[in-house]
Amino acid sequence: NPSGQSLSRQQLIADFNNDGILDFYLVDHGIGGGNHDGF
């Protein structure tokens, strides 16, 4: 809460938990603001 992404910079796809099914990690550095403090 809240859910979702601000700015999905990259989708990193792999079977991270080794169950035979692909997982995904979304790199999100944020949108707006001039200080680049991330998200």
PDB file of all heavy atoms in Angstrom:
ATOM      1  N   ASN A   1       0.844  -1.195   0.000  1.00  0.00           N
ATOM      2  CA  ASN A   1       0.000   0.000   0.000  1.00  0.00           C
ATOM      3  C   ASN A   1       0.884   1.253   0.000  1.00  0.00           C
ATOM      4  O   ASN A   1       1.493   1.567   1.009  1.00  0.00           O
ATOM      5  CB  ASN A   1      -0.918   0.020   1.213  1.00  0.00           C
ATOM      6  CG  ASN A   1      -1.908   1.169   1.173  1.00  0.00           C
ATOM      7  OD1 ASN A   1      -2.179   1.723   0.102  1.00  0.00           O
ATOM      8  ND2 ASN A   1      -2.437   1.537   2.331  1.00  0.00           N
ATOM      9  N   PRO A   2       0.970   1.926  -1.157  1.00  0.00           N
ATOM     10  CA  PRO A   2       0.292   1.643  -2.424  1.00  0.00           C
ATOM     11  C   PRO A   2       1.005   0.545  -3.199  1.00  0.00           C
ATOM     12  O   PRO A   2       2.197   0.300  -3.002  1.00  0.00           O
ATOM     13  CB  PRO A   2       0.381   2.977  -3.156  1.00  0.00           C
ATOM     14  CG  PRO A   2       1.669   3.570  -2.687  1.00  0.00           C
ATOM     15  CD  PRO A   2       1.775   3.170  -1.241  1.00  0.00           C
ATOM     16  N   SER A   3       0.291  -0.088  -4.098  1.00  0.00           N
ATOM     17  CA  SER A   3       0.876  -1.112  -4.951  1.00  0.00           C
ATOM     18  C   SER A   3       1.375  -0.476  -6.239  1.00  0.00           C
ATOM     19  O   SER A   3       1.174   0.708  -6.495  1.00  0.00           O
ATOM     20  CB  SER A   3      -0.159  -2.194  -5.263  1.00  0.00           C
ATOM     21  OG  SER A   3      -1.258  -1.624  -5.966  1.00  0.00           O
ATOM     22  N   GLY A   4       2.037  -1.276  -7.070  1.00  0.00           N
ATOM     23  CA  GLY A   4       2.425  -0.822  -8.399  1.00  0.00           C
ATOM     24  C   GLY A   4       3.819  -0.246  -8.492  1.00  0.00           C
ATOM     25  O   GLY A   4       4.583  -0.234  -7.530  1.00  0.00           O
ATOM     26  N   GLN A   5       4.121   0.245  -9.703  1.00  0.00           N
ATOM     27  CA  GLN A   5       5.447   0.779 -10.003  1.00  0.00           C
ATOM     28  C   GLN A   5       5.346   2.254 -10.392  1.00  0.00           C
ATOM     29  O   GLN A   5       4.338   2.711 -10.917  1.00  0.00           O
ATOM     30  CB  GLN A   5       6.105   0.005 -11.169  1.00  0.00           C
ATOM     31  CG  GLN A   5       6.601  -1.362 -10.796  1.00  0.00           C
ATOM     32  CD  GLN A   5       5.463  -2.349 -10.596  1.00  0.00           C
ATOM     33  OE1 GLN A   5       4.614  -2.534 -11.447  1.00  0.00           O
ATOM     34  NE2 GLN A   5       5.443  -2.995  -9.439  1.00  0.00           N
ATOM     35  N   SER A   6       6.427   2.988 -10.124  1.00  0.00           N
ATOM     36  CA  SER A   6       6.526   4.385 -10.510  1.00  0.00           C
ATOM     37  C   SER A   6       7.150   4.502 -11.899  1.00  0.00           C
ATOM     38  O   SER A   6       6.565   5.075 -12.813  1.00  0.00           O
ATOM     39  CB  SER A   6       7.369   5.154  -9.484  1.00  0.00           C
ATOM     40  OG  SER A   6       7.669   6.449  -9.938  1.00  0.00           O
ATOM     41  N   LEU A   7       8.349   3.954 -12.067  1.00  0.00           N
ATOM     42  CA  LEU A   7       9.012   3.933 -13.369  1.00  0.00           C
ATOM     43  C   LEU A   7       9.799   2.640 -13.469  1.00  0.00           C
ATOM     44  O   LEU A   7      10.841   2.483 -12.829  1.00  0.00           O
ATOM     45  CB  LEU A   7       9.940   5.143 -13.541  1.00  0.00           C
ATOM     46  CG  LEU A   7      10.515   5.381 -14.952  1.00  0.00           C
ATOM     47  CD1 LEU A   7      10.939   6.839 -15.105  1.00  0.00           C
ATOM     48  CD2 LEU A   7      11.701   4.483 -15.259  1.00  0.00           C
ATOM     49  N   SER A   8       9.280   1.702 -14.228  1.00  0.00           N
ATOM     50  CA  SER A   8       9.947   0.410 -14.379  1.00  0.00           C
ATOM     51  C   SER A   8      11.077   0.553 -15.388  1.00  0.00           C
ATOM     52  O   SER A   8      10.856   0.590 -16.590  1.00  0.00           O
ATOM     53  CB  SER A   8       8.950  -0.650 -14.850  1.00  0.00           C
ATOM     54  OG  SER A   8       9.586  -1.902 -14.979  1.00  0.00           O
ATOM     55  N   ARG A   9      12.278   0.637 -14.878  1.00  0.00           N
ATOM     56  CA  ARG A   9      13.442   0.850 -15.732  1.00  0.00           C
ATOM     57  C   ARG A   9      13.865  -0.424 -16.448  1.00  0.00           C
ATOM     58  O   ARG A   9      14.253  -0.401 -17.609  1.00  0.00           O
ATOM     59  CB  ARG A   9      14.594   1.373 -14.873  1.00  0.00           C
ATOM     60  CG  ARG A   9      15.879   1.626 -15.617  1.00  0.00           C
ATOM     61  CD  ARG A   9      15.780   2.795 -16.545  1.00  0.00           C
ATOM     62  NE  ARG A   9      16.947   2.904 -17.399  1.00  0.00           N
ATOM     63  CZ  ARG A   9      17.092   3.800 -18.357  1.00  0.00           C
ATOM     64  NH1 ARG A   9      16.147   4.679 -18.571  1.00  0.00           N
ATOM     65  NH2 ARG A   9      18.172   3.820 -19.096  1.00  0.00           N
ATOM     66  N   GLN A  10      13.790  -1.563 -15.739  1.00  0.00           N
ATOM     67  CA  GLN A  10      14.159  -2.847 -16.335  1.00  0.00           C
ATOM     68  C   GLN A  10      13.346  -3.966 -15.714  1.00  0.00           C
ATOM     69  O   GLN A  10      12.918  -3.883 -14.563  1.00  0.00           O
ATOM     70  CB  GLN A  10      15.652  -3.138 -16.122  1.00  0.00           C
ATOM     71  CG  GLN A  10      16.577  -2.390 -17.063  1.00  0.00           C
ATOM     72  CD  GLN A  10      18.024  -2.795 -16.851  1.00  0.00           C
ATOM     73  OE1 GLN A  10      18.628  -2.473 -15.838  1.00  0.00           O
ATOM     74  NE2 GLN A  10      18.586  -3.499 -17.809  1.00  0.00           N
ATOM     75  N   GLN A  11      13.139  -5.024 -16.500  1.00  0.00           N
ATOM     76  CA  GLN A  11      12.545  -6.260 -16.021  1.00  0.00           C
ATOM     77  C   GLN A  11      13.633  -7.324 -16.014  1.00  0.00           C
ATOM     78  O   GLN A  11      14.144  -7.694 -17.067  1.00  0.00           O
ATOM     79  CB  GLN A  11      11.386  -6.683 -16.923  1.00  0.00           C
ATOM     80  CG  GLN A  11      10.246  -5.682 -16.962  1.00  0.00           C
ATOM     81  CD  GLN A  11       9.079  -6.125 -17.825  1.00  0.00           C
ATOM     82  OE1 GLN A  11       7.969  -5.635 -17.671  1.00  0.00           O
ATOM     83  NE2 GLN A  11       9.308  -7.045 -18.743  1.00  0.00           N
ATOM     84  N   LEU A  12      13.979  -7.819 -14.849  1.00  0.00           N
ATOM     85  CA  LEU A  12      14.995  -8.860 -14.730  1.00  0.00           C
ATOM     86  C   LEU A  12      14.277 -10.180 -14.511  1.00  0.00           C
ATOM     87  O   LEU A  12      13.613 -10.381 -13.493  1.00  0.00           O
ATOM     88  CB  LEU A  12      15.948  -8.551 -13.571  1.00  0.00           C
ATOM     89  CG  LEU A  12      16.651  -7.183 -13.653  1.00  0.00           C
ATOM     90  CD1 LEU A  12      17.521  -6.950 -12.422  1.00  0.00           C
ATOM     91  CD2 LEU A  12      17.488  -7.075 -14.923  1.00  0.00           C
ATOM     92  N   ILE A  13      14.410 -11.080 -15.485  1.00  0.00           N
ATOM     93  CA  ILE A  13      13.615 -12.309 -15.521  1.00  0.00           C
ATOM     94  C   ILE A  13      14.501 -13.518 -15.276  1.00  0.00           C
ATOM     95  O   ILE A  13      15.495 -13.726 -15.972  1.00  0.00           O
ATOM     96  CB  ILE A  13      12.920 -12.473 -16.885  1.00  0.00           C
ATOM     97  CG1 ILE A  13      12.249 -11.173 -17.332  1.00  0.00           C
ATOM     98  CG2 ILE A  13      11.931 -13.630 -16.844  1.00  0.00           C
ATOM     99  CD1 ILE A  13      11.116 -10.729 -16.489  1.00  0.00           C
ATOM    100  N   ALA A  14      14.147 -14.347 -14.285  1.00  0.00           N
ATOM    101  CA  ALA A  14      14.873 -15.594 -14.019  1.00  0.00           C
ATOM    102  C   ALA A  14      14.057 -16.423 -13.024  1.00  0.00           C
ATOM    103  O   ALA A  14      13.130 -15.916 -12.383  1.00  0.00           O
ATOM    104  CB  ALA A  14      16.269 -15.314 -13.466  1.00  0.00           C
ATOM    105  N   ASP A  15      14.431 -17.673 -12.874  1.00  0.00           N
ATOM    106  CA  ASP A  15      13.813 -18.526 -11.855  1.00  0.00           C
ATOM    107  C   ASP A  15      14.593 -18.335 -10.555  1.00  0.00           C
ATOM    108  O   ASP A  15      15.466 -19.122 -10.206  1.00  0.00           O
ATOM    109  CB  ASP A  15      13.840 -19.993 -12.304  1.00  0.00           C
ATOM    110  CG  ASP A  15      13.187 -20.922 -11.295  1.00  0.00           C
ATOM    111  OD1 ASP A  15      12.544 -20.418 -10.343  1.00  0.00           O
ATOM    112  OD2 ASP A  15      13.346 -22.149 -11.438  1.00  0.00           O
ATOM    113  N   PHE A  16      14.281 -17.287  -9.831  1.00  0.00           N
ATOM    114  CA  PHE A  16      15.040 -16.941  -8.630  1.00  0.00           C
ATOM    115  C   PHE A  16      14.819 -17.932  -7.488  1.00  0.00           C
ATOM    116  O   PHE A  16      15.726 -18.187  -6.699  1.00  0.00           O
ATOM    117  CB  PHE A  16      14.667 -15.530  -8.163  1.00  0.00           C
ATOM    118  CG  PHE A  16      15.072 -14.449  -9.119  1.00  0.00           C
ATOM    119  CD1 PHE A  16      14.117 -13.682  -9.760  1.00  0.00           C
ATOM    120  CD2 PHE A  16      16.408 -14.191  -9.385  1.00  0.00           C
ATOM    121  CE1 PHE A  16      14.473 -12.675 -10.647  1.00  0.00           C
ATOM    122  CE2 PHE A  16      16.781 -13.187 -10.278  1.00  0.00           C
ATOM    123  CZ  PHE A  16      15.808 -12.430 -10.901  1.00  0.00           C
ATOM    124  N   ASN A  17      13.603 -18.490  -7.375  1.00  0.00           N
ATOM    125  CA  ASN A  17      13.321 -19.391  -6.249  1.00  0.00           C
ATOM    126  C   ASN A  17      13.439 -20.870  -6.621  1.00  0.00           C
ATOM    127  O   ASN A  17      13.064 -21.742  -5.829  1.00  0.00           O
ATOM    128  CB  ASN A  17      11.947 -19.102  -5.654  1.00  0.00           C
ATOM    129  CG  ASN A  17      10.821 -19.233  -6.672  1.00  0.00           C
ATOM    130  OD1 ASN A  17      11.055 -19.610  -7.825  1.00  0.00           O
ATOM    131  ND2 ASN A  17       9.605 -18.928  -6.259  1.00  0.00           N
ATOM    132  N   ASN A  18      13.954 -21.146  -7.818  1.00  0.00           N
ATOM    133  CA  ASN A  18      14.282 -22.516  -8.228  1.00  0.00           C
ATOM    134  C   ASN A  18      13.097 -23.481  -8.157  1.00  0.00           C
ATOM    135  O   ASN A  18      13.250 -24.637  -7.750  1.00  0.00           O
ATOM    136  CB  ASN A  18      15.440 -23.064  -7.383  1.00  0.00           C
ATOM    137  CG  ASN A  18      16.778 -22.496  -7.813  1.00  0.00           C
ATOM    138  OD1 ASN A  18      17.092 -22.437  -8.996  1.00  0.00           O
ATOM    139  ND2 ASN A  18      17.557 -22.039  -6.843  1.00  0.00           N
ATOM    140  N   ASP A  19      11.917 -23.010  -8.597  1.00  0.00           N
ATOM    141  CA  ASP A  19      10.762 -23.897  -8.642  1.00  0.00           C
ATOM    142  C   ASP A  19      10.391 -24.280 -10.072  1.00  0.00           C
ATOM    143  O   ASP A  19       9.359 -24.907 -10.303  1.00  0.00           O
ATOM    144  CB  ASP A  19       9.563 -23.258  -7.937  1.00  0.00           C
ATOM    145  CG  ASP A  19       9.051 -22.012  -8.658  1.00  0.00           C
ATOM    146  OD1 ASP A  19       9.744 -21.529  -9.588  1.00  0.00           O
ATOM    147  OD2 ASP A  19       7.976 -21.506  -8.273  1.00  0.00           O
ATOM    148  N   GLY A  20      11.238 -23.887 -11.040  1.00  0.00           N
ATOM    149  CA  GLY A  20      10.987 -24.236 -12.429  1.00  0.00           C
ATOM    150  C   GLY A  20      10.117 -23.252 -13.188  1.00  0.00           C
ATOM    151  O   GLY A  20       9.812 -23.472 -14.363  1.00  0.00           O
ATOM    152  N   ILE A  21       9.709 -22.156 -12.543  1.00  0.00           N
ATOM    153  CA  ILE A  21       8.850 -21.148 -13.162  1.00  0.00           C
ATOM    154  C   ILE A  21       9.561 -19.794 -13.072  1.00  0.00           C
ATOM    155  O   ILE A  21      10.177 -19.462 -12.060  1.00  0.00           O
ATOM    156  CB  ILE A  21       7.475 -21.083 -12.470  1.00  0.00           C
ATOM    157  CG1 ILE A  21       6.776 -22.446 -12.572  1.00  0.00           C
ATOM    158  CG2 ILE A  21       6.606 -19.994 -13.076  1.00  0.00           C
ATOM    159  CD1 ILE A  21       5.487 -22.524 -11.796  1.00  0.00           C
ATOM    160  N   LEU A  22       9.465 -19.001 -14.127  1.00  0.00           N
ATOM    161  CA  LEU A  22      10.143 -17.721 -14.169  1.00  0.00           C
ATOM    162  C   LEU A  22       9.545 -16.728 -13.181  1.00  0.00           C
ATOM    163  O   LEU A  22       8.324 -16.626 -13.026  1.00  0.00           O
ATOM    164  CB  LEU A  22      10.081 -17.127 -15.577  1.00  0.00           C
ATOM    165  CG  LEU A  22      10.895 -17.855 -16.650  1.00  0.00           C
ATOM    166  CD1 LEU A  22      10.631 -17.238 -18.017  1.00  0.00           C
ATOM    167  CD2 LEU A  22      12.379 -17.816 -16.322  1.00  0.00           C
ATOM    168  N   ASP A  23      10.416 -15.991 -12.508  1.00  0.00           N
ATOM    169  CA  ASP A  23      10.051 -14.890 -11.632  1.00  0.00           C
ATOM    170  C   ASP A  23      10.532 -13.588 -12.277  1.00  0.00           C
ATOM    171  O   ASP A  23      11.219 -13.608 -13.302  1.00  0.00           O
ATOM    172  CB  ASP A  23      10.704 -15.073 -10.259  1.00  0.00           C
ATOM    173  CG  ASP A  23      10.525 -16.478  -9.709  1.00  0.00           C
ATOM    174  OD1 ASP A  23       9.375 -16.864  -9.458  1.00  0.00           O
ATOM    175  OD2 ASP A  23      11.538 -17.187  -9.548  1.00  0.00           O
ATOM    176  N   PHE A  24      10.217 -12.433 -11.671  1.00  0.00           N
ATOM    177  CA  PHE A  24      10.685 -11.177 -12.244  1.00  0.00           C
ATOM    178  C   PHE A  24      10.907 -10.115 -11.169  1.00  0.00           C
ATOM    179  O   PHE A  24      10.148  -9.992 -10.204  1.00  0.00           O
ATOM    180  CB  PHE A  24       9.743 -10.654 -13.334  1.00  0.00           C
ATOM    181  CG  PHE A  24       8.274 -10.781 -13.059  1.00  0.00           C
ATOM    182  CD1 PHE A  24       7.537  -9.716 -12.587  1.00  0.00           C
ATOM    183  CD2 PHE A  24       7.627 -11.982 -13.317  1.00  0.00           C
ATOM    184  CE1 PHE A  24       6.182  -9.838 -12.352  1.00  0.00           C
ATOM    185  CE2 PHE A  24       6.263 -12.115 -13.091  1.00  0.00           C
ATOM    186  CZ  PHE A  24       5.540 -11.040 -12.597  1.00  0.00           C
ATOM    187  N   TYR A  25      11.992  -9.380 -11.370  1.00  0.00           N
ATOM    188  CA  TYR A  25      12.380  -8.278 -10.500  1.00  0.00           C
ATOM    189  C   TYR A  25      12.327  -7.002 -11.334  1.00  0.00           C
ATOM    190  O   TYR A  25      12.960  -6.911 -12.382  1.00  0.00           O
ATOM    191  CB  TYR A  25      13.795  -8.508  -9.966  1.00  0.00           C
ATOM    192  CG  TYR A  25      14.255  -7.516  -8.926  1.00  0.00           C
ATOM    193  CD1 TYR A  25      14.240  -7.854  -7.574  1.00  0.00           C
ATOM    194  CD2 TYR A  25      14.716  -6.256  -9.279  1.00  0.00           C
ATOM    195  CE1 TYR A  25      14.669  -6.947  -6.611  1.00  0.00           C
ATOM    196  CE2 TYR A  25      15.144  -5.357  -8.330  1.00  0.00           C
ATOM    197  CZ  TYR A  25      15.119  -5.710  -6.993  1.00  0.00           C
ATOM    198  OH  TYR A  25      15.547  -4.808  -6.039  1.00  0.00           O
ATOM    199  N   LEU A  26      11.553  -6.006 -10.884  1.00  0.00           N
ATOM    200  CA  LEU A  26      11.387  -4.768 -11.627  1.00  0.00           C
ATOM    201  C   LEU A  26      12.245  -3.675 -10.998  1.00  0.00           C
ATOM    202  O   LEU A  26      12.070  -3.319  -9.827  1.00  0.00           O
ATOM    203  CB  LEU A  26       9.919  -4.344 -11.639  1.00  0.00           C
ATOM    204  CG  LEU A  26       8.923  -5.375 -12.195  1.00  0.00           C
ATOM    205  CD1 LEU A  26       7.520  -4.778 -12.244  1.00  0.00           C
ATOM    206  CD2 LEU A  26       9.333  -5.885 -13.559  1.00  0.00           C
ATOM    207  N   VAL A  27      13.180  -3.166 -11.777  1.00  0.00           N
ATOM    208  CA  VAL A  27      14.057  -2.080 -11.336  1.00  0.00           C
ATOM    209  C   VAL A  27      13.301  -0.771 -11.505  1.00  0.00           C
ATOM    210  O   VAL A  27      12.901  -0.409 -12.601  1.00  0.00           O
ATOM    211  CB  VAL A  27      15.362  -2.071 -12.163  1.00  0.00           C
ATOM    212  CG1 VAL A  27      16.249  -0.907 -11.762  1.00  0.00           C
ATOM    213  CG2 VAL A  27      16.094  -3.400 -11.998  1.00  0.00           C
ATOM    214  N   ASP A  28      13.107  -0.029 -10.419  1.00  0.00           N
ATOM    215  CA  ASP A  28      12.254   1.166 -10.419  1.00  0.00           C
ATOM    216  C   ASP A  28      13.008   2.316  -9.761  1.00  0.00           C
ATOM    217  O   ASP A  28      13.167   2.349  -8.546  1.00  0.00           O
ATOM    218  CB  ASP A  28      10.963   0.859  -9.662  1.00  0.00           C
ATOM    219  CG  ASP A  28       9.922   1.962  -9.777  1.00  0.00           C
ATOM    220  OD1 ASP A  28      10.276   3.084 -10.174  1.00  0.00           O
ATOM    221  OD2 ASP A  28       8.747   1.703  -9.457  1.00  0.00           O
ATOM    222  N   HIS A  29      13.492   3.275 -10.572  1.00  0.00           N
ATOM    223  CA  HIS A  29      14.255   4.366  -9.953  1.00  0.00           C
ATOM    224  C   HIS A  29      13.401   5.603  -9.675  1.00  0.00           C
ATOM    225  O   HIS A  29      13.903   6.624  -9.207  1.00  0.00           O
ATOM    226  CB  HIS A  29      15.496   4.722 -10.763  1.00  0.00           C
ATOM    227  CG  HIS A  29      15.260   5.362 -12.101  1.00  0.00           C
ATOM    228  ND1 HIS A  29      14.259   6.257 -12.349  1.00  0.00           N
ATOM    229  CD2 HIS A  29      15.941   5.249 -13.266  1.00  0.00           C
ATOM    230  CE1 HIS A  29      14.331   6.680 -13.598  1.00  0.00           C
ATOM    231  NE2 HIS A  29      15.331   6.069 -14.186  1.00  0.00           N
ATOM    232  N   GLY A  30      12.103   5.526  -9.927  1.00  0.00           N
ATOM    233  CA  GLY A  30      11.218   6.638  -9.606  1.00  0.00           C
ATOM    234  C   GLY A  30      11.080   7.621 -10.751  1.00  0.00           C
ATOM    235  O   GLY A  30      11.866   7.639 -11.695  1.00  0.00           O
ATOM    236  N   ILE A  31      10.064   8.452 -10.667  1.00  0.00           N
ATOM    237  CA  ILE A  31       9.794   9.453 -11.704  1.00  0.00           C
ATOM    238  C   ILE A  31       9.501  10.777 -11.021  1.00  0.00           C
ATOM    239  O   ILE A  31       8.858  10.831  -9.974  1.00  0.00           O
ATOM    240  CB  ILE A  31       8.603   9.028 -12.585  1.00  0.00           C
ATOM    241  CG1 ILE A  31       8.344  10.070 -13.680  1.00  0.00           C
ATOM    242  CG2 ILE A  31       7.360   8.786 -11.773  1.00  0.00           C
ATOM    243  CD1 ILE A  31       7.281   9.666 -14.662  1.00  0.00           C
ATOM    244  N   GLY A  32       9.989  11.867 -11.617  1.00  0.00           N
ATOM    245  CA  GLY A  32       9.759  13.192 -11.062  1.00  0.00           C
ATOM    246  C   GLY A  32      10.738  13.521  -9.961  1.00  0.00           C
ATOM    247  O   GLY A  32      11.367  12.650  -9.355  1.00  0.00           O
ATOM    248  N   GLY A  33      10.901  14.789  -9.701  1.00  0.00           N
ATOM    249  CA  GLY A  33      11.848  15.222  -8.682  1.00  0.00           C
ATOM    250  C   GLY A  33      13.239  15.328  -9.248  1.00  0.00           C
ATOM    251  O   GLY A  33      13.639  14.541 -10.094  1.00  0.00           O
ATOM    252  N   GLY A  34      13.977  16.317  -8.801  1.00  0.00           N
ATOM    253  CA  GLY A  34      15.299  16.545  -9.361  1.00  0.00           C
ATOM    254  C   GLY A  34      16.438  15.992  -8.538  1.00  0.00           C
ATOM    255  O   GLY A  34      17.608  16.120  -8.908  1.00  0.00           O
ATOM    256  N   ASN A  35      16.127  15.338  -7.413  1.00  0.00           N
ATOM    257  CA  ASN A  35      17.205  14.898  -6.523  1.00  0.00           C
ATOM    258  C   ASN A  35      17.584  13.438  -6.704  1.00  0.00           C
ATOM    259  O   ASN A  35      18.511  12.956  -6.048  1.00  0.00           O
ATOM    260  CB  ASN A  35      16.812  15.134  -5.059  1.00  0.00           C
ATOM    261  CG  ASN A  35      15.491  14.485  -4.694  1.00  0.00           C
ATOM    262  OD1 ASN A  35      14.857  13.838  -5.534  1.00  0.00           O
ATOM    263  ND2 ASN A  35      15.065  14.666  -3.459  1.00  0.00           N
ATOM    264  N   HIS A  36      16.873  12.700  -7.573  1.00  0.00           N
ATOM    265  CA  HIS A  36      17.225  11.312  -7.870  1.00  0.00           C
ATOM    266  C   HIS A  36      17.385  10.474  -6.599  1.00  0.00           C
ATOM    267  O   HIS A  36      18.378   9.780  -6.407  1.00  0.00           O
ATOM    268  CB  HIS A  36      18.512  11.252  -8.699  1.00  0.00           C
ATOM    269  CG  HIS A  36      18.383  11.873 -10.054  1.00  0.00           C
ATOM    270  ND1 HIS A  36      19.219  12.851 -10.498  1.00  0.00           N
ATOM    271  CD2 HIS A  36      17.490  11.670 -11.052  1.00  0.00           C
ATOM    272  CE1 HIS A  36      18.866  13.231 -11.725  1.00  0.00           C
ATOM    273  NE2 HIS A  36      17.818  12.521 -12.077  1.00  0.00           N
ATOM    274  N   ASP A  37      16.403  10.559  -5.721  1.00  0.00           N
ATOM    275  CA  ASP A  37      16.489   9.809  -4.474  1.00  0.00           C
ATOM    276  C   ASP A  37      15.941   8.399  -4.582  1.00  0.00           C
ATOM    277  O   ASP A  37      15.969   7.634  -3.632  1.00  0.00           O
ATOM    278  CB  ASP A  37      15.769  10.548  -3.342  1.00  0.00           C
ATOM    279  CG  ASP A  37      14.307  10.853  -3.670  1.00  0.00           C
ATOM    280  OD1 ASP A  37      13.891  10.594  -4.815  1.00  0.00           O
ATOM    281  OD2 ASP A  37      13.596  11.348  -2.776  1.00  0.00           O
ATOM    282  N   GLY A  38      15.447   8.042  -5.768  1.00  0.00           N
ATOM    283  CA  GLY A  38      15.076   6.658  -6.007  1.00  0.00           C
ATOM    284  C   GLY A  38      13.684   6.297  -5.531  1.00  0.00           C
ATOM    285  O   GLY A  38      12.929   7.105  -5.000  1.00  0.00           O
ATOM    286  N   PHE A  39      13.359   5.018  -5.740  1.00  0.00           N
ATOM    287  CA  PHE A  39      12.055   4.485  -5.370  1.00  0.00           C
ATOM    288  C   PHE A  39      12.243   3.006  -5.083  1.00  0.00           C
ATOM    289  O   PHE A  39      13.296   2.434  -5.365  1.00  0.00           O
ATOM    290  CB  PHE A  39      11.054   4.711  -6.514  1.00  0.00           C
ATOM    291  CG  PHE A  39       9.622   4.483  -6.128  1.00  0.00           C
ATOM    292  CD1 PHE A  39       8.987   5.368  -5.268  1.00  0.00           C
ATOM    293  CD2 PHE A  39       8.910   3.407  -6.615  1.00  0.00           C
ATOM    294  CE1 PHE A  39       7.657   5.177  -4.903  1.00  0.00           C
ATOM    295  CE2 PHE A  39       7.587   3.198  -6.267  1.00  0.00           C
ATOM    296  CZ  PHE A  39       6.961   4.088  -5.406  1.00  0.00           C
TER     297      PHE A  39
END
